[in-house]
Amino acid sequence: MTQVVAAIIEREGRILICRRKPEQSHPLKWEFPGGKVEPDETPAAALNRELQEELDIRDAAGDEITRYEYAYPGKNPILLIFFRVQQFQGEPRNLIFQEMRWEPPHKLSEFDFVEGDLDFIRAFSA
């Protein structure tokens, strides 16, 4: 099963959310930074790699918050693994997204997130 990591990066009570570009799958949907775990890669290593590729931050580390399976219509299920990222080097910069925003947790439900993140948002924002 494909594993996908997602980073919950919090600063001053706000969470970093990112909007996909129009030409990407799930165009213009919001998501948490992260991505697929490569073969022979741990979820923690994938998190570190993805955040370097997407946000230009290094040495990202954090604790797993939750994980669950999700299947997009017509696709095989994936395992989503959410991490609370509390440490990293550098300042997040947008390298691949349409836009990035820092939002308070209670406002996340107002954004049009990718469907796989919705269960997390409902639980996290409660």
N, C-alpha and C. Protein backbone atom coordinates (compact mmCIF):
# COMPACT_ATOMS: atom_id res chain seq x y z
N MET A 1 0.84 -1.19 0.00
CA MET A 1 0.00 0.00 0.00
C MET A 1 0.88 1.24 0.00
N THR A 2 0.54 2.20 -0.82
CA THR A 2 1.27 3.45 -0.87
C THR A 2 1.07 4.21 0.43
N GLN A 3 2.17 4.70 0.99
CA GLN A 3 2.10 5.53 2.18
C GLN A 3 2.36 6.98 1.79
N VAL A 4 1.63 7.90 2.42
CA VAL A 4 1.77 9.33 2.16
C VAL A 4 1.92 10.03 3.50
N VAL A 5 2.95 10.87 3.61
CA VAL A 5 3.16 11.62 4.85
C VAL A 5 2.64 13.05 4.67
N ALA A 6 2.14 13.61 5.77
CA ALA A 6 1.65 14.99 5.78
C ALA A 6 2.20 15.69 7.01
N ALA A 7 2.70 16.90 6.82
CA ALA A 7 3.30 17.67 7.91
C ALA A 7 2.32 18.71 8.45
N ILE A 8 2.10 18.65 9.74
CA ILE A 8 1.33 19.68 10.43
C ILE A 8 2.37 20.57 11.10
N ILE A 9 2.65 21.69 10.46
CA ILE A 9 3.66 22.63 10.94
C ILE A 9 2.93 23.79 11.59
N GLU A 10 3.18 23.97 12.89
CA GLU A 10 2.47 25.01 13.64
C GLU A 10 3.45 26.09 14.07
N ARG A 11 2.98 27.32 13.95
CA ARG A 11 3.77 28.48 14.39
C ARG A 11 2.81 29.52 14.95
N GLU A 12 3.04 29.91 16.18
CA GLU A 12 2.23 30.95 16.82
C GLU A 12 0.74 30.66 16.70
N GLY A 13 0.37 29.40 16.90
CA GLY A 13 -1.03 29.01 16.89
C GLY A 13 -1.65 28.86 15.51
N ARG A 14 -0.85 28.93 14.47
CA ARG A 14 -1.35 28.78 13.10
C ARG A 14 -0.67 27.58 12.43
N ILE A 15 -1.39 26.99 11.47
CA ILE A 15 -0.93 25.80 10.75
C ILE A 15 -0.60 26.20 9.31
N LEU A 16 0.51 25.67 8.79
CA LEU A 16 0.88 25.94 7.40
C LEU A 16 0.06 25.04 6.47
N ILE A 17 -0.68 25.66 5.56
CA ILE A 17 -1.42 24.91 4.54
C ILE A 17 -0.96 25.40 3.17
N CYS A 18 -1.06 24.51 2.19
CA CYS A 18 -0.54 24.79 0.85
C CYS A 18 -1.60 24.45 -0.20
N ARG A 19 -1.65 25.27 -1.24
CA ARG A 19 -2.63 25.07 -2.31
C ARG A 19 -1.94 24.53 -3.55
N ARG A 20 -2.51 23.45 -4.08
CA ARG A 20 -1.94 22.83 -5.28
C ARG A 20 -2.13 23.73 -6.49
N LYS A 21 -1.25 23.58 -7.48
CA LYS A 21 -1.33 24.36 -8.72
C LYS A 21 -2.44 23.80 -9.61
N PRO A 22 -2.94 24.62 -10.55
CA PRO A 22 -4.03 24.17 -11.43
C PRO A 22 -3.67 22.95 -12.28
N GLU A 23 -2.39 22.78 -12.63
CA GLU A 23 -2.00 21.67 -13.50
C GLU A 23 -1.72 20.38 -12.73
N GLN A 24 -1.76 20.42 -11.40
CA GLN A 24 -1.52 19.22 -10.59
C GLN A 24 -2.82 18.42 -10.43
N SER A 25 -2.66 17.15 -10.01
CA SER A 25 -3.87 16.41 -9.64
C SER A 25 -4.51 17.12 -8.46
N HIS A 26 -5.80 16.99 -8.32
CA HIS A 26 -6.56 17.74 -7.29
C HIS A 26 -6.28 19.24 -7.42
N PRO A 27 -6.51 19.81 -8.62
CA PRO A 27 -6.12 21.20 -8.87
C PRO A 27 -6.75 22.18 -7.88
N LEU A 28 -5.91 23.09 -7.40
CA LEU A 28 -6.27 24.20 -6.52
C LEU A 28 -6.86 23.77 -5.18
N LYS A 29 -6.74 22.51 -4.84
CA LYS A 29 -7.17 22.05 -3.52
C LYS A 29 -6.06 22.36 -2.52
N TRP A 30 -6.45 22.54 -1.28
CA TRP A 30 -5.51 22.78 -0.19
C TRP A 30 -5.06 21.45 0.39
N GLU A 31 -3.85 21.43 0.95
CA GLU A 31 -3.30 20.23 1.56
C GLU A 31 -2.24 20.64 2.56
N PHE A 32 -1.80 19.66 3.32
CA PHE A 32 -0.64 19.85 4.17
C PHE A 32 0.59 19.43 3.37
N PRO A 33 1.73 20.08 3.56
CA PRO A 33 2.91 19.67 2.80
C PRO A 33 3.31 18.24 3.12
N GLY A 34 3.90 17.57 2.16
CA GLY A 34 4.31 16.18 2.33
C GLY A 34 4.20 15.46 1.00
N GLY A 35 4.18 14.13 1.06
CA GLY A 35 4.08 13.36 -0.17
C GLY A 35 4.33 11.89 0.06
N LYS A 36 4.51 11.18 -1.05
CA LYS A 36 4.64 9.72 -1.03
C LYS A 36 5.95 9.26 -0.41
N VAL A 37 5.84 8.17 0.33
CA VAL A 37 7.02 7.49 0.86
C VAL A 37 7.57 6.62 -0.26
N GLU A 38 8.85 6.78 -0.57
CA GLU A 38 9.49 6.00 -1.63
C GLU A 38 9.82 4.60 -1.12
N PRO A 39 9.99 3.63 -2.03
CA PRO A 39 10.42 2.29 -1.59
C PRO A 39 11.72 2.37 -0.78
N ASP A 40 11.82 1.57 0.23
CA ASP A 40 13.00 1.53 1.11
C ASP A 40 13.24 2.84 1.86
N GLU A 41 12.21 3.64 2.06
CA GLU A 41 12.31 4.89 2.80
C GLU A 41 11.34 4.83 3.98
N THR A 42 11.75 5.30 5.13
CA THR A 42 10.84 5.35 6.27
C THR A 42 9.92 6.56 6.13
N PRO A 43 8.76 6.54 6.79
CA PRO A 43 7.91 7.74 6.75
C PRO A 43 8.63 8.99 7.26
N ALA A 44 9.44 8.86 8.31
CA ALA A 44 10.16 10.02 8.84
C ALA A 44 11.16 10.56 7.81
N ALA A 45 11.85 9.68 7.10
CA ALA A 45 12.80 10.11 6.07
C ALA A 45 12.05 10.77 4.90
N ALA A 46 10.90 10.22 4.54
CA ALA A 46 10.09 10.81 3.46
C ALA A 46 9.62 12.21 3.85
N LEU A 47 9.21 12.36 5.10
CA LEU A 47 8.77 13.67 5.58
C LEU A 47 9.90 14.69 5.43
N ASN A 48 11.07 14.32 5.87
CA ASN A 48 12.23 15.22 5.78
C ASN A 48 12.53 15.57 4.32
N ARG A 49 12.55 14.56 3.44
CA ARG A 49 12.84 14.79 2.01
C ARG A 49 11.78 15.68 1.37
N GLU A 50 10.52 15.34 1.59
CA GLU A 50 9.43 16.10 0.96
C GLU A 50 9.43 17.57 1.40
N LEU A 51 9.67 17.81 2.69
CA LEU A 51 9.67 19.19 3.17
C LEU A 51 10.85 19.98 2.62
N GLN A 52 11.96 19.30 2.37
CA GLN A 52 13.09 19.98 1.73
C GLN A 52 12.73 20.32 0.29
N GLU A 53 12.09 19.38 -0.43
CA GLU A 53 11.73 19.60 -1.83
C GLU A 53 10.64 20.66 -1.98
N GLU A 54 9.70 20.70 -1.07
CA GLU A 54 8.54 21.58 -1.21
C GLU A 54 8.71 22.93 -0.54
N LEU A 55 9.42 22.96 0.60
CA LEU A 55 9.49 24.18 1.42
C LEU A 55 10.91 24.66 1.70
N ASP A 56 11.90 23.93 1.23
CA ASP A 56 13.30 24.30 1.45
C ASP A 56 13.66 24.35 2.94
N ILE A 57 13.06 23.45 3.73
CA ILE A 57 13.47 23.32 5.13
C ILE A 57 14.14 21.96 5.30
N ARG A 58 15.07 21.89 6.24
CA ARG A 58 15.88 20.68 6.43
C ARG A 58 15.73 20.16 7.85
N ASP A 59 16.14 18.91 8.01
CA ASP A 59 16.17 18.27 9.32
C ASP A 59 14.82 18.35 10.03
N ALA A 60 13.74 18.18 9.29
CA ALA A 60 12.41 18.21 9.89
C ALA A 60 12.21 16.97 10.76
N ALA A 61 11.66 17.20 11.93
CA ALA A 61 11.40 16.09 12.84
C ALA A 61 10.12 16.38 13.61
N GLY A 62 9.42 15.32 13.95
CA GLY A 62 8.20 15.47 14.73
C GLY A 62 7.59 14.13 15.05
N ASP A 63 6.53 14.18 15.82
CA ASP A 63 5.85 12.96 16.26
C ASP A 63 4.65 12.67 15.37
N GLU A 64 4.41 11.39 15.16
CA GLU A 64 3.22 10.99 14.42
C GLU A 64 1.99 11.32 15.26
N ILE A 65 1.00 11.94 14.62
CA ILE A 65 -0.25 12.28 15.29
C ILE A 65 -1.26 11.16 15.10
N THR A 66 -1.45 10.76 13.84
CA THR A 66 -2.42 9.73 13.50
C THR A 66 -2.11 9.18 12.12
N ARG A 67 -2.76 8.06 11.80
CA ARG A 67 -2.67 7.49 10.45
C ARG A 67 -3.99 6.80 10.16
N TYR A 68 -4.36 6.79 8.89
CA TYR A 68 -5.55 6.06 8.48
C TYR A 68 -5.49 5.81 6.98
N GLU A 69 -6.28 4.82 6.55
CA GLU A 69 -6.37 4.51 5.13
C GLU A 69 -7.44 5.37 4.49
N TYR A 70 -7.19 5.73 3.24
CA TYR A 70 -8.17 6.49 2.47
C TYR A 70 -8.08 6.03 1.01
N ALA A 71 -9.22 5.91 0.37
CA ALA A 71 -9.24 5.53 -1.05
C ALA A 71 -9.98 6.61 -1.84
N TYR A 72 -9.27 7.25 -2.75
CA TYR A 72 -9.92 8.17 -3.68
C TYR A 72 -10.72 7.34 -4.67
N PRO A 73 -11.84 7.86 -5.18
CA PRO A 73 -12.66 7.08 -6.10
C PRO A 73 -11.85 6.52 -7.27
N GLY A 74 -11.98 5.22 -7.51
CA GLY A 74 -11.31 4.57 -8.62
C GLY A 74 -9.82 4.32 -8.41
N LYS A 75 -9.32 4.56 -7.22
CA LYS A 75 -7.88 4.37 -6.93
C LYS A 75 -7.70 3.35 -5.81
N ASN A 76 -6.49 2.81 -5.72
CA ASN A 76 -6.16 1.92 -4.61
C ASN A 76 -6.06 2.73 -3.32
N PRO A 77 -6.35 2.12 -2.18
CA PRO A 77 -6.23 2.85 -0.91
C PRO A 77 -4.78 3.27 -0.64
N ILE A 78 -4.65 4.37 0.07
CA ILE A 78 -3.35 4.85 0.53
C ILE A 78 -3.39 4.91 2.05
N LEU A 79 -2.22 4.91 2.66
CA LEU A 79 -2.11 5.09 4.10
C LEU A 79 -1.58 6.50 4.34
N LEU A 80 -2.42 7.35 4.93
CA LEU A 80 -2.02 8.72 5.24
C LEU A 80 -1.44 8.75 6.65
N ILE A 81 -0.26 9.34 6.78
CA ILE A 81 0.43 9.43 8.07
C ILE A 81 0.70 10.91 8.36
N PHE A 82 0.10 11.42 9.43
CA PHE A 82 0.21 12.83 9.79
C PHE A 82 1.23 13.00 10.91
N PHE A 83 2.14 13.95 10.73
CA PHE A 83 3.18 14.26 11.72
C PHE A 83 3.04 15.70 12.20
N ARG A 84 3.18 15.91 13.49
CA ARG A 84 3.30 17.27 14.02
C ARG A 84 4.79 17.61 13.96
N VAL A 85 5.14 18.52 13.06
CA VAL A 85 6.55 18.89 12.86
C VAL A 85 6.87 20.05 13.79
N GLN A 86 7.77 19.77 14.73
CA GLN A 86 8.10 20.76 15.75
C GLN A 86 9.50 21.32 15.59
N GLN A 87 10.33 20.64 14.80
CA GLN A 87 11.70 21.11 14.62
C GLN A 87 12.08 21.03 13.15
N PHE A 88 12.79 22.04 12.69
CA PHE A 88 13.36 22.04 11.35
C PHE A 88 14.35 23.17 11.25
N GLN A 89 15.19 23.12 10.23
CA GLN A 89 16.16 24.17 9.97
C GLN A 89 15.72 24.95 8.73
N GLY A 90 15.85 26.27 8.81
CA GLY A 90 15.48 27.12 7.69
C GLY A 90 14.10 27.73 7.90
N GLU A 91 13.69 28.52 6.93
CA GLU A 91 12.40 29.19 6.94
C GLU A 91 11.58 28.66 5.77
N PRO A 92 10.34 28.19 6.01
CA PRO A 92 9.54 27.65 4.90
C PRO A 92 9.38 28.65 3.75
N ARG A 93 9.73 28.17 2.55
CA ARG A 93 9.57 28.95 1.31
C ARG A 93 8.75 28.13 0.35
N ASN A 94 7.92 28.77 -0.40
CA ASN A 94 7.08 28.09 -1.39
C ASN A 94 7.91 27.74 -2.62
N LEU A 95 8.17 26.44 -2.83
CA LEU A 95 8.94 26.01 -4.00
C LEU A 95 8.06 25.38 -5.08
N ILE A 96 6.87 24.87 -4.71
CA ILE A 96 6.08 24.14 -5.72
C ILE A 96 4.58 24.45 -5.71
N PHE A 97 4.10 25.21 -4.76
CA PHE A 97 2.65 25.37 -4.60
C PHE A 97 2.13 26.64 -5.28
N GLN A 98 0.82 26.68 -5.50
CA GLN A 98 0.16 27.88 -5.98
C GLN A 98 0.29 28.98 -4.92
N GLU A 99 0.03 28.61 -3.66
CA GLU A 99 0.19 29.55 -2.55
C GLU A 99 0.30 28.79 -1.25
N MET A 100 0.78 29.49 -0.22
CA MET A 100 0.89 28.95 1.13
C MET A 100 0.27 29.96 2.09
N ARG A 101 -0.32 29.44 3.16
CA ARG A 101 -0.91 30.32 4.17
C ARG A 101 -0.74 29.71 5.55
N TRP A 102 -0.66 30.57 6.54
CA TRP A 102 -0.68 30.15 7.95
C TRP A 102 -2.07 30.47 8.47
N GLU A 103 -2.80 29.43 8.91
CA GLU A 103 -4.18 29.60 9.36
C GLU A 103 -4.39 28.98 10.74
N PRO A 104 -5.27 29.56 11.56
CA PRO A 104 -5.57 28.94 12.85
C PRO A 104 -6.33 27.62 12.63
N PRO A 105 -6.13 26.65 13.52
CA PRO A 105 -6.77 25.34 13.34
C PRO A 105 -8.29 25.41 13.14
N HIS A 106 -8.96 26.29 13.83
CA HIS A 106 -10.42 26.34 13.73
C HIS A 106 -10.90 26.84 12.37
N LYS A 107 -10.03 27.41 11.56
CA LYS A 107 -10.42 27.90 10.23
C LYS A 107 -10.15 26.89 9.11
N LEU A 108 -9.45 25.80 9.41
CA LEU A 108 -9.08 24.85 8.35
C LEU A 108 -10.29 24.31 7.60
N SER A 109 -11.40 24.11 8.30
CA SER A 109 -12.60 23.55 7.65
C SER A 109 -13.20 24.50 6.61
N GLU A 110 -12.77 25.74 6.58
CA GLU A 110 -13.28 26.71 5.61
C GLU A 110 -12.58 26.59 4.25
N PHE A 111 -11.51 25.80 4.18
CA PHE A 111 -10.73 25.67 2.95
C PHE A 111 -11.12 24.38 2.22
N ASP A 112 -10.98 24.40 0.91
CA ASP A 112 -11.31 23.25 0.06
C ASP A 112 -10.11 22.31 -0.01
N PHE A 113 -10.00 21.44 1.00
CA PHE A 113 -8.87 20.51 1.10
C PHE A 113 -9.08 19.28 0.23
N VAL A 114 -7.96 18.62 -0.11
CA VAL A 114 -8.05 17.31 -0.76
C VAL A 114 -8.86 16.40 0.16
N GLU A 115 -9.63 15.51 -0.44
CA GLU A 115 -10.58 14.70 0.31
C GLU A 115 -9.92 13.83 1.37
N GLY A 116 -8.71 13.35 1.10
CA GLY A 116 -8.03 12.49 2.06
C GLY A 116 -7.71 13.17 3.38
N ASP A 117 -7.60 14.50 3.38
CA ASP A 117 -7.26 15.23 4.61
C ASP A 117 -8.48 15.59 5.45
N LEU A 118 -9.68 15.41 4.93
CA LEU A 118 -10.87 15.92 5.62
C LEU A 118 -11.13 15.25 6.96
N ASP A 119 -10.93 13.95 7.07
CA ASP A 119 -11.13 13.28 8.37
C ASP A 119 -10.17 13.83 9.40
N PHE A 120 -8.94 14.07 9.01
CA PHE A 120 -7.96 14.64 9.93
C PHE A 120 -8.40 16.03 10.38
N ILE A 121 -8.82 16.86 9.43
CA ILE A 121 -9.22 18.23 9.75
C ILE A 121 -10.41 18.23 10.71
N ARG A 122 -11.38 17.35 10.47
CA ARG A 122 -12.54 17.29 11.37
C ARG A 122 -12.10 16.94 12.79
N ALA A 123 -11.21 15.99 12.94
CA ALA A 123 -10.74 15.57 14.26
C ALA A 123 -9.83 16.62 14.89
N PHE A 124 -8.95 17.21 14.10
CA PHE A 124 -7.95 18.16 14.60
C PHE A 124 -8.60 19.49 14.99
N SER A 125 -9.61 19.91 14.24
CA SER A 125 -10.24 21.22 14.47
C SER A 125 -11.29 21.18 15.56
N ALA A 126 -11.66 19.98 15.99
CA ALA A 126 -12.75 19.86 16.96
C ALA A 126 -12.35 20.42 18.33
